[in-house]
Amino acid sequence: MAFKEINRIKVVLVEKRRTNKWLAEELGMNTTTISRWCRNDVQPPLETLVEVARLLDVDIRELLVPTKK
């Protein structure tokens, strides 16, 4: 199966000048988990993605790679 980029969490963190460590602390999670999301190794649950969007003050759609151009 080919690697597929699904989320844009890493990009949005950079745009918002935030770090993986900051996000991990805000969510009460391990930095390794956040790092795996940023690399698109695994995807966060939808409920968590909603919380990430709230913390970064973005629409949840900004955290996802569009499926249509």
PDB file of N, CA and C in Angstrom:
ATOM      1  N   MET A   1       0.833  -1.177   0.000  1.00  0.00           N
ATOM      2  CA  MET A   1       0.000   0.000   0.000  1.00  0.00           C
ATOM      3  C   MET A   1       0.881   1.245   0.000  1.00  0.00           C
ATOM      4  N   ALA A   2       0.605   2.174  -0.858  1.00  0.00           N
ATOM      5  CA  ALA A   2       1.403   3.384  -0.979  1.00  0.00           C
ATOM      6  C   ALA A   2       1.104   4.344   0.171  1.00  0.00           C
ATOM      7  N   PHE A   3       2.129   5.090   0.543  1.00  0.00           N
ATOM      8  CA  PHE A   3       1.992   6.097   1.590  1.00  0.00           C
ATOM      9  C   PHE A   3       1.039   7.192   1.119  1.00  0.00           C
ATOM     10  N   LYS A   4       0.108   7.561   1.972  1.00  0.00           N
ATOM     11  CA  LYS A   4      -0.851   8.598   1.612  1.00  0.00           C
ATOM     12  C   LYS A   4      -0.923   9.629   2.731  1.00  0.00           C
ATOM     13  N   GLU A   5      -0.702  10.868   2.359  1.00  0.00           N
ATOM     14  CA  GLU A   5      -0.817  11.948   3.318  1.00  0.00           C
ATOM     15  C   GLU A   5      -2.294  12.263   3.517  1.00  0.00           C
ATOM     16  N   ILE A   6      -2.743  12.222   4.747  1.00  0.00           N
ATOM     17  CA  ILE A   6      -4.153  12.438   5.052  1.00  0.00           C
ATOM     18  C   ILE A   6      -4.366  13.731   5.834  1.00  0.00           C
ATOM     19  N   ASN A   7      -3.489  13.963   6.832  1.00  0.00           N
ATOM     20  CA  ASN A   7      -3.687  15.174   7.628  1.00  0.00           C
ATOM     21  C   ASN A   7      -2.576  16.199   7.391  1.00  0.00           C
ATOM     22  N   ARG A   8      -2.859  17.435   7.777  1.00  0.00           N
ATOM     23  CA  ARG A   8      -1.934  18.554   7.628  1.00  0.00           C
ATOM     24  C   ARG A   8      -1.562  19.134   8.992  1.00  0.00           C
ATOM     25  N   ILE A   9      -1.595  18.318  10.029  1.00  0.00           N
ATOM     26  CA  ILE A   9      -1.343  18.811  11.373  1.00  0.00           C
ATOM     27  C   ILE A   9       0.034  19.482  11.457  1.00  0.00           C
ATOM     28  N   LYS A  10       1.041  18.853  10.907  1.00  0.00           N
ATOM     29  CA  LYS A  10       2.398  19.409  10.971  1.00  0.00           C
ATOM     30  C   LYS A  10       2.462  20.792  10.310  1.00  0.00           C
ATOM     31  N   VAL A  11       1.839  20.929   9.153  1.00  0.00           N
ATOM     32  CA  VAL A  11       1.842  22.196   8.420  1.00  0.00           C
ATOM     33  C   VAL A  11       1.144  23.285   9.229  1.00  0.00           C
ATOM     34  N   VAL A  12      -0.001  22.946   9.801  1.00  0.00           N
ATOM     35  CA  VAL A  12      -0.768  23.935  10.561  1.00  0.00           C
ATOM     36  C   VAL A  12      -0.021  24.314  11.845  1.00  0.00           C
ATOM     37  N   LEU A  13       0.627  23.363  12.489  1.00  0.00           N
ATOM     38  CA  LEU A  13       1.434  23.695  13.668  1.00  0.00           C
ATOM     39  C   LEU A  13       2.511  24.720  13.313  1.00  0.00           C
ATOM     40  N   VAL A  14       3.174  24.524  12.189  1.00  0.00           N
ATOM     41  CA  VAL A  14       4.206  25.470  11.750  1.00  0.00           C
ATOM     42  C   VAL A  14       3.585  26.832  11.454  1.00  0.00           C
ATOM     43  N   GLU A  15       2.473  26.836  10.747  1.00  0.00           N
ATOM     44  CA  GLU A  15       1.797  28.098  10.421  1.00  0.00           C
ATOM     45  C   GLU A  15       1.397  28.859  11.681  1.00  0.00           C
ATOM     46  N   LYS A  16       1.010  28.142  12.726  1.00  0.00           N
ATOM     47  CA  LYS A  16       0.564  28.755  13.979  1.00  0.00           C
ATOM     48  C   LYS A  16       1.718  28.960  14.967  1.00  0.00           C
ATOM     49  N   ARG A  17       2.920  28.603  14.526  1.00  0.00           N
ATOM     50  CA  ARG A  17       4.119  28.733  15.351  1.00  0.00           C
ATOM     51  C   ARG A  17       3.983  27.977  16.681  1.00  0.00           C
ATOM     52  N   ARG A  18       3.498  26.764  16.570  1.00  0.00           N
ATOM     53  CA  ARG A  18       3.346  25.883  17.723  1.00  0.00           C
ATOM     54  C   ARG A  18       4.176  24.628  17.492  1.00  0.00           C
ATOM     55  N   THR A  19       4.442  23.895  18.554  1.00  0.00           N
ATOM     56  CA  THR A  19       5.271  22.692  18.456  1.00  0.00           C
ATOM     57  C   THR A  19       4.465  21.443  18.797  1.00  0.00           C
ATOM     58  N   ASN A  20       5.052  20.301  18.448  1.00  0.00           N
ATOM     59  CA  ASN A  20       4.456  19.015  18.827  1.00  0.00           C
ATOM     60  C   ASN A  20       4.336  18.936  20.345  1.00  0.00           C
ATOM     61  N   LYS A  21       5.372  19.403  21.031  1.00  0.00           N
ATOM     62  CA  LYS A  21       5.388  19.355  22.496  1.00  0.00           C
ATOM     63  C   LYS A  21       4.228  20.172  23.073  1.00  0.00           C
ATOM     64  N   TRP A  22       3.997  21.365  22.532  1.00  0.00           N
ATOM     65  CA  TRP A  22       2.895  22.200  22.997  1.00  0.00           C
ATOM     66  C   TRP A  22       1.566  21.469  22.820  1.00  0.00           C
ATOM     67  N   LEU A  23       1.351  20.895  21.619  1.00  0.00           N
ATOM     68  CA  LEU A  23       0.104  20.198  21.338  1.00  0.00           C
ATOM     69  C   LEU A  23      -0.067  19.001  22.265  1.00  0.00           C
ATOM     70  N   ALA A  24       1.006  18.259  22.490  1.00  0.00           N
ATOM     71  CA  ALA A  24       0.944  17.105  23.384  1.00  0.00           C
ATOM     72  C   ALA A  24       0.542  17.533  24.796  1.00  0.00           C
ATOM     73  N   GLU A  25       1.121  18.617  25.270  1.00  0.00           N
ATOM     74  CA  GLU A  25       0.793  19.107  26.613  1.00  0.00           C
ATOM     75  C   GLU A  25      -0.664  19.562  26.690  1.00  0.00           C
ATOM     76  N   GLU A  26      -1.137  20.261  25.678  1.00  0.00           N
ATOM     77  CA  GLU A  26      -2.522  20.744  25.662  1.00  0.00           C
ATOM     78  C   GLU A  26      -3.529  19.598  25.639  1.00  0.00           C
ATOM     79  N   LEU A  27      -3.173  18.525  24.937  1.00  0.00           N
ATOM     80  CA  LEU A  27      -4.073  17.374  24.816  1.00  0.00           C
ATOM     81  C   LEU A  27      -3.861  16.345  25.923  1.00  0.00           C
ATOM     82  N   GLY A  28      -2.778  16.515  26.704  1.00  0.00           N
ATOM     83  CA  GLY A  28      -2.464  15.531  27.740  1.00  0.00           C
ATOM     84  C   GLY A  28      -2.024  14.208  27.146  1.00  0.00           C
ATOM     85  N   MET A  29      -1.268  14.295  26.052  1.00  0.00           N
ATOM     86  CA  MET A  29      -0.827  13.093  25.348  1.00  0.00           C
ATOM     87  C   MET A  29       0.694  13.056  25.266  1.00  0.00           C
ATOM     88  N   ASN A  30       1.207  11.932  24.824  1.00  0.00           N
ATOM     89  CA  ASN A  30       2.630  11.736  24.641  1.00  0.00           C
ATOM     90  C   ASN A  30       3.095  12.429  23.357  1.00  0.00           C
ATOM     91  N   THR A  31       4.280  13.029  23.374  1.00  0.00           N
ATOM     92  CA  THR A  31       4.809  13.695  22.177  1.00  0.00           C
ATOM     93  C   THR A  31       5.026  12.709  21.034  1.00  0.00           C
ATOM     94  N   THR A  32       5.272  11.454  21.358  1.00  0.00           N
ATOM     95  CA  THR A  32       5.458  10.435  20.316  1.00  0.00           C
ATOM     96  C   THR A  32       4.182  10.261  19.506  1.00  0.00           C
ATOM     97  N   THR A  33       3.054  10.296  20.158  1.00  0.00           N
ATOM     98  CA  THR A  33       1.770  10.165  19.470  1.00  0.00           C
ATOM     99  C   THR A  33       1.575  11.322  18.498  1.00  0.00           C
ATOM    100  N   ILE A  34       1.844  12.539  18.951  1.00  0.00           N
ATOM    101  CA  ILE A  34       1.691  13.721  18.103  1.00  0.00           C
ATOM    102  C   ILE A  34       2.637  13.635  16.911  1.00  0.00           C
ATOM    103  N   SER A  35       3.851  13.196  17.166  1.00  0.00           N
ATOM    104  CA  SER A  35       4.837  13.042  16.099  1.00  0.00           C
ATOM    105  C   SER A  35       4.358  12.051  15.037  1.00  0.00           C
ATOM    106  N   ARG A  36       3.742  10.965  15.462  1.00  0.00           N
ATOM    107  CA  ARG A  36       3.231   9.965  14.512  1.00  0.00           C
ATOM    108  C   ARG A  36       2.097  10.547  13.671  1.00  0.00           C
ATOM    109  N   TRP A  37       1.257  11.401  14.275  1.00  0.00           N
ATOM    110  CA  TRP A  37       0.210  12.082  13.509  1.00  0.00           C
ATOM    111  C   TRP A  37       0.839  13.000  12.471  1.00  0.00           C
ATOM    112  N   CYS A  38       1.857  13.752  12.892  1.00  0.00           N
ATOM    113  CA  CYS A  38       2.509  14.715  11.991  1.00  0.00           C
ATOM    114  C   CYS A  38       3.192  14.029  10.812  1.00  0.00           C
ATOM    115  N   ARG A  39       3.663  12.812  11.025  1.00  0.00           N
ATOM    116  CA  ARG A  39       4.287  12.045   9.936  1.00  0.00           C
ATOM    117  C   ARG A  39       3.262  11.271   9.126  1.00  0.00           C
ATOM    118  N   ASN A  40       1.988  11.323   9.532  1.00  0.00           N
ATOM    119  CA  ASN A  40       0.917  10.567   8.889  1.00  0.00           C
ATOM    120  C   ASN A  40       1.120   9.061   8.999  1.00  0.00           C
ATOM    121  N   ASP A  41       1.831   8.640  10.052  1.00  0.00           N
ATOM    122  CA  ASP A  41       1.973   7.197  10.312  1.00  0.00           C
ATOM    123  C   ASP A  41       0.641   6.628  10.794  1.00  0.00           C
ATOM    124  N   VAL A  42      -0.038   7.398  11.635  1.00  0.00           N
ATOM    125  CA  VAL A  42      -1.368   7.051  12.144  1.00  0.00           C
ATOM    126  C   VAL A  42      -2.197   8.326  12.140  1.00  0.00           C
ATOM    127  N   GLN A  43      -3.504   8.164  12.271  1.00  0.00           N
ATOM    128  CA  GLN A  43      -4.400   9.325  12.269  1.00  0.00           C
ATOM    129  C   GLN A  43      -5.085   9.445  13.630  1.00  0.00           C
ATOM    130  N   PRO A  44      -5.282  10.675  14.077  1.00  0.00           N
ATOM    131  CA  PRO A  44      -5.988  10.854  15.347  1.00  0.00           C
ATOM    132  C   PRO A  44      -7.470  10.529  15.188  1.00  0.00           C
ATOM    133  N   PRO A  45      -8.117  10.137  16.283  1.00  0.00           N
ATOM    134  CA  PRO A  45      -9.575   9.941  16.233  1.00  0.00           C
ATOM    135  C   PRO A  45     -10.259  11.265  15.885  1.00  0.00           C
ATOM    136  N   LEU A  46     -11.420  11.180  15.286  1.00  0.00           N
ATOM    137  CA  LEU A  46     -12.148  12.374  14.864  1.00  0.00           C
ATOM    138  C   LEU A  46     -12.387  13.341  16.027  1.00  0.00           C
ATOM    139  N   GLU A  47     -12.743  12.809  17.185  1.00  0.00           N
ATOM    140  CA  GLU A  47     -12.986  13.663  18.349  1.00  0.00           C
ATOM    141  C   GLU A  47     -11.731  14.446  18.725  1.00  0.00           C
ATOM    142  N   THR A  48     -10.581  13.803  18.626  1.00  0.00           N
ATOM    143  CA  THR A  48      -9.312  14.458  18.938  1.00  0.00           C
ATOM    144  C   THR A  48      -8.974  15.494  17.874  1.00  0.00           C
ATOM    145  N   LEU A  49      -9.263  15.189  16.625  1.00  0.00           N
ATOM    146  CA  LEU A  49      -9.008  16.141  15.544  1.00  0.00           C
ATOM    147  C   LEU A  49      -9.834  17.410  15.749  1.00  0.00           C
ATOM    148  N   VAL A  50     -11.050  17.263  16.233  1.00  0.00           N
ATOM    149  CA  VAL A  50     -11.890  18.419  16.548  1.00  0.00           C
ATOM    150  C   VAL A  50     -11.218  19.265  17.634  1.00  0.00           C
ATOM    151  N   GLU A  51     -10.678  18.611  18.640  1.00  0.00           N
ATOM    152  CA  GLU A  51      -9.997  19.322  19.733  1.00  0.00           C
ATOM    153  C   GLU A  51      -8.723  20.011  19.231  1.00  0.00           C
ATOM    154  N   VAL A  52      -7.982  19.355  18.345  1.00  0.00           N
ATOM    155  CA  VAL A  52      -6.778  19.963  17.759  1.00  0.00           C
ATOM    156  C   VAL A  52      -7.158  21.224  16.993  1.00  0.00           C
ATOM    157  N   ALA A  53      -8.218  21.155  16.223  1.00  0.00           N
ATOM    158  CA  ALA A  53      -8.690  22.324  15.469  1.00  0.00           C
ATOM    159  C   ALA A  53      -9.055  23.461  16.414  1.00  0.00           C
ATOM    160  N   ARG A  54      -9.704  23.135  17.507  1.00  0.00           N
ATOM    161  CA  ARG A  54     -10.081  24.160  18.490  1.00  0.00           C
ATOM    162  C   ARG A  54      -8.839  24.809  19.107  1.00  0.00           C
ATOM    163  N   LEU A  55      -7.871  23.974  19.494  1.00  0.00           N
ATOM    164  CA  LEU A  55      -6.652  24.491  20.109  1.00  0.00           C
ATOM    165  C   LEU A  55      -5.859  25.383  19.154  1.00  0.00           C
ATOM    166  N   LEU A  56      -5.851  25.014  17.870  1.00  0.00           N
ATOM    167  CA  LEU A  56      -5.099  25.787  16.880  1.00  0.00           C
ATOM    168  C   LEU A  56      -5.930  26.907  16.259  1.00  0.00           C
ATOM    169  N   ASP A  57      -7.195  26.999  16.678  1.00  0.00           N
ATOM    170  CA  ASP A  57      -8.100  28.036  16.190  1.00  0.00           C
ATOM    171  C   ASP A  57      -8.224  28.020  14.664  1.00  0.00           C
ATOM    172  N   VAL A  58      -8.490  26.821  14.131  1.00  0.00           N
ATOM    173  CA  VAL A  58      -8.686  26.649  12.691  1.00  0.00           C
ATOM    174  C   VAL A  58      -9.936  25.808  12.462  1.00  0.00           C
ATOM    175  N   ASP A  59     -10.468  25.902  11.262  1.00  0.00           N
ATOM    176  CA  ASP A  59     -11.549  25.019  10.845  1.00  0.00           C
ATOM    177  C   ASP A  59     -10.951  23.617  10.706  1.00  0.00           C
ATOM    178  N   ILE A  60     -11.676  22.606  11.126  1.00  0.00           N
ATOM    179  CA  ILE A  60     -11.159  21.237  11.067  1.00  0.00           C
ATOM    180  C   ILE A  60     -10.721  20.865   9.643  1.00  0.00           C
ATOM    181  N   ARG A  61     -11.358  21.439   8.643  1.00  0.00           N
ATOM    182  CA  ARG A  61     -11.001  21.122   7.248  1.00  0.00           C
ATOM    183  C   ARG A  61      -9.579  21.538   6.917  1.00  0.00           C
ATOM    184  N   GLU A  62      -9.036  22.511   7.640  1.00  0.00           N
ATOM    185  CA  GLU A  62      -7.651  22.936   7.405  1.00  0.00           C
ATOM    186  C   GLU A  62      -6.647  21.880   7.860  1.00  0.00           C
ATOM    187  N   LEU A  63      -7.096  20.952   8.682  1.00  0.00           N
ATOM    188  CA  LEU A  63      -6.216  19.895   9.184  1.00  0.00           C
ATOM    189  C   LEU A  63      -6.193  18.674   8.280  1.00  0.00           C
ATOM    190  N   LEU A  64      -7.016  18.682   7.245  1.00  0.00           N
ATOM    191  CA  LEU A  64      -7.122  17.531   6.347  1.00  0.00           C
ATOM    192  C   LEU A  64      -6.680  17.884   4.944  1.00  0.00           C
ATOM    193  N   VAL A  65      -6.086  16.920   4.284  1.00  0.00           N
ATOM    194  CA  VAL A  65      -5.720  17.083   2.874  1.00  0.00           C
ATOM    195  C   VAL A  65      -6.991  16.928   2.050  1.00  0.00           C
ATOM    196  N   PRO A  66      -7.290  17.905   1.166  1.00  0.00           N
ATOM    197  CA  PRO A  66      -8.515  17.803   0.359  1.00  0.00           C
ATOM    198  C   PRO A  66      -8.540  16.541  -0.505  1.00  0.00           C
ATOM    199  N   THR A  67      -9.727  15.995  -0.681  1.00  0.00           N
ATOM    200  CA  THR A  67      -9.854  14.822  -1.536  1.00  0.00           C
ATOM    201  C   THR A  67     -10.181  15.206  -2.976  1.00  0.00           C
ATOM    202  N   LYS A  68     -10.640  16.436  -3.161  1.00  0.00           N
ATOM    203  CA  LYS A  68     -10.914  16.954  -4.500  1.00  0.00           C
ATOM    204  C   LYS A  68     -10.178  18.263  -4.678  1.00  0.00           C
ATOM    205  N   LYS A  69      -9.722  18.488  -5.866  1.00  0.00           N
ATOM    206  CA  LYS A  69      -9.003  19.749  -6.170  1.00  0.00           C
ATOM    207  C   LYS A  69      -9.941  20.776  -6.718  1.00  0.00           C
TER     208      LYS A  69
END
